[in-house]
Protein backbone atom coordinates (compact mmCIF):
# COMPACT_ATOMS: atom_id res chain seq x y z
CA MET A 1 92.04 57.42 122.51
CA GLN A 2 88.19 58.60 121.86
CA GLN A 3 88.13 60.08 125.17
CA THR A 4 91.42 62.02 124.96
CA GLU A 5 90.65 63.70 121.92
CA THR A 6 87.32 64.56 123.30
CA ILE A 7 89.37 66.70 126.29
CA GLU A 8 91.45 67.99 124.28
CA LYS A 9 88.72 69.66 122.08
CA VAL A 10 86.96 70.90 125.01
CA ALA A 11 89.92 72.19 126.75
CA GLY A 12 90.92 73.96 123.17
CA ILE A 13 87.25 75.78 123.02
CA GLY A 14 87.39 76.46 126.80
CA ALA A 15 90.75 78.25 126.19
CA VAL A 16 89.79 80.56 123.02
CA SER A 17 86.66 80.66 125.15
CA LEU A 18 88.41 82.22 127.89
CA TRP A 19 90.97 84.02 126.08
CA ALA A 20 88.21 86.32 124.09
CA THR A 21 85.89 86.38 127.47
CA LEU A 22 89.33 88.30 129.08
CA HIS A 23 89.39 90.50 126.33
CA GLY A 24 85.74 91.38 125.79
CA TRP A 25 83.77 92.41 122.44
CA LEU A 26 87.56 93.13 121.03
CA GLY A 27 88.51 88.96 121.73
CA TRP A 28 85.37 88.17 120.37
CA LEU A 29 86.33 90.50 117.38
CA ALA A 30 89.79 88.48 116.81
CA ILE A 31 87.93 84.70 117.38
CA LEU A 32 85.48 85.78 114.54
CA TYR A 33 88.36 87.25 111.94
CA ALA A 34 90.14 83.60 112.89
CA VAL A 35 87.20 81.88 112.22
CA CYS A 36 86.52 84.00 108.86
CA ILE A 37 90.01 83.08 107.67
CA MET A 38 89.69 79.20 108.54
CA LEU A 39 86.34 79.43 106.34
CA ASP A 40 87.98 80.86 103.56
CA CYS A 41 90.82 79.18 102.85
CA VAL A 42 88.41 76.23 103.69
CA THR A 43 86.05 77.51 100.92
CA GLY A 44 88.72 78.15 98.35
CA THR A 45 90.34 75.23 98.67
CA ALA A 46 87.46 73.44 98.04
CA LEU A 47 86.62 75.66 95.20
CA ALA A 48 89.75 75.58 94.06
CA ILE A 49 89.43 71.43 94.17
CA LYS A 50 86.35 71.49 92.51
CA ASN A 51 87.27 73.41 89.12
CA LYS A 52 90.46 71.36 88.98
CA VAL A 53 92.67 74.53 89.74
CA TRP A 54 94.51 74.00 93.07
CA SER A 55 97.96 75.21 93.19
CA SER A 56 100.41 75.26 96.32
CA ARG A 57 101.74 78.26 94.74
CA LYS A 58 98.55 80.43 94.77
CA ALA A 59 97.87 78.52 98.50
CA ARG A 60 101.05 80.04 99.32
CA GLN A 61 100.15 83.41 98.29
CA GLY A 62 96.94 83.23 100.02
CA LEU A 63 98.58 82.43 103.10
CA TRP A 64 101.21 85.15 102.88
CA HIS A 65 97.91 87.56 102.12
CA LYS A 66 96.38 86.32 105.09
CA GLY A 67 99.53 86.58 107.40
CA SER A 68 100.59 90.13 106.22
CA CYS A 69 96.66 91.05 107.05
CA LEU A 70 97.96 89.68 111.03
CA ILE A 71 100.78 91.80 111.24
CA MET A 72 98.52 94.69 110.30
CA ILE A 73 95.99 93.74 113.25
CA CYS A 74 99.51 94.01 115.21
CA VAL A 75 100.18 97.52 113.94
CA GLY A 76 96.71 98.41 114.76
CA VAL A 77 97.58 97.03 118.20
CA LEU A 78 99.83 98.84 118.94
CA LEU A 79 99.10 101.80 117.32
CA ASP A 80 95.89 102.12 120.31
CA VAL A 81 98.71 101.26 122.79
CA MET A 82 100.29 104.19 121.29
CA ILE A 83 97.77 106.53 121.46
CA GLY A 84 96.50 105.68 124.83
CA LEU A 85 100.01 105.93 126.42
CA LEU A 86 99.87 109.16 124.68
CA VAL A 87 96.56 110.44 125.75
CA ASP A 88 96.96 109.15 129.32
CA HIS A 89 100.66 110.48 130.46
CA VAL A 90 101.29 113.93 127.52
CA PRO A 91 100.20 116.83 129.72
CA GLY A 92 97.02 119.05 128.24
CA LEU A 93 96.76 116.51 125.68
CA GLU A 94 93.02 115.21 126.01
CA LEU A 95 90.09 114.24 123.71
CA PRO A 96 86.49 114.58 124.23
CA PHE A 97 86.06 110.52 124.91
CA SER A 98 87.49 107.89 126.99
CA TYR A 99 90.48 105.86 124.63
CA ASP A 100 90.87 102.91 124.59
CA MET A 101 90.82 101.10 121.28
CA LEU A 102 89.99 102.32 118.39
CA ILE A 103 92.37 101.20 115.00
CA THR A 104 92.30 97.45 116.09
CA PRO A 105 88.97 97.51 116.29
CA VAL A 106 87.96 98.94 112.56
CA LEU A 107 90.86 96.94 111.27
CA LEU A 108 89.19 93.77 112.52
CA THR A 109 85.56 94.52 111.16
CA TRP A 110 87.45 95.14 107.87
CA TYR A 111 89.33 92.27 107.66
CA ILE A 112 86.35 90.37 108.69
CA THR A 113 83.46 91.59 105.92
CA ALA A 114 86.93 91.28 103.40
CA GLU A 115 87.17 87.48 104.59
CA LEU A 116 82.91 87.47 104.35
CA GLY A 117 83.10 88.39 100.89
CA SER A 118 84.82 86.26 99.86
CA ILE A 119 83.38 83.66 101.61
CA LEU A 120 80.54 84.38 99.79
CA GLU A 121 82.23 84.94 96.54
CA ASN A 122 83.75 80.93 96.97
CA ALA A 123 80.28 79.57 97.69
CA THR A 124 78.66 81.28 95.32
CA ALA A 125 81.11 80.01 92.82
CA MET A 126 80.57 76.32 93.94
CA GLY A 127 76.73 76.82 93.09
CA ALA A 128 75.44 77.33 97.07
CA PRO A 129 72.03 79.25 96.56
CA VAL A 130 72.94 82.92 97.95
CA PRO A 131 69.85 85.68 98.96
CA ALA A 132 69.92 88.17 96.77
CA ALA A 133 70.43 90.58 100.27
CA LEU A 134 73.97 88.91 100.58
CA LYS A 135 74.69 88.77 97.23
CA ASN A 136 74.11 92.57 96.99
CA ILE A 137 76.72 92.55 100.05
CA LEU A 138 79.19 90.68 98.26
CA GLU A 139 78.57 93.55 95.13
CA ILE A 140 79.93 96.38 97.70
CA VAL A 141 82.01 94.80 99.34
CA HIS A 142 83.65 93.58 95.65
CA LYS A 143 83.47 97.50 94.49
CA ALA A 144 85.15 98.75 97.54
CA ALA A 145 87.54 95.90 97.58
CA GLU A 146 88.53 97.30 93.74
CA GLU A 147 88.47 100.86 94.53
CA ASP A 148 90.90 99.65 97.20
CA ASP A 149 92.92 97.98 94.42
CA ILE A 150 93.12 100.82 92.73
CA SER A 151 93.87 103.43 94.68
CA GLN A 152 96.32 101.48 96.25
CA LYS A 153 98.15 100.67 92.66
CA LYS A 154 98.34 104.38 92.13
């Protein structure tokens, strides 16, 4: 039974690596985002359990939030495909650079940054020592997220 589990793990890691390699650096960004989502879920759950405030309702809200972020990344991919098709097939429409992907990597980078900020926040709240440089990054991300939340509520 242990050998079967090992084979499944190796096959899973191999499949993820192959997918990311076939999709280049964008694939690795997607893998990085998936890992950040998982780490944020784990650290958020651990913090809630530590503080004895875990709630299935709040966990579901977090999952809905993460699901909506994934939908936005799909929208980014669709926009990139649409822009690429327009640039390639509309006569006279030219860009001063080669267009492959622009919106998707920007979205992925933004979401990864937000997830990393949340992971740092959870780790800090659980008592992990965090270097000053990472605390500064956390504050910057926090301020940016707050400004974004305020602008969306108007």
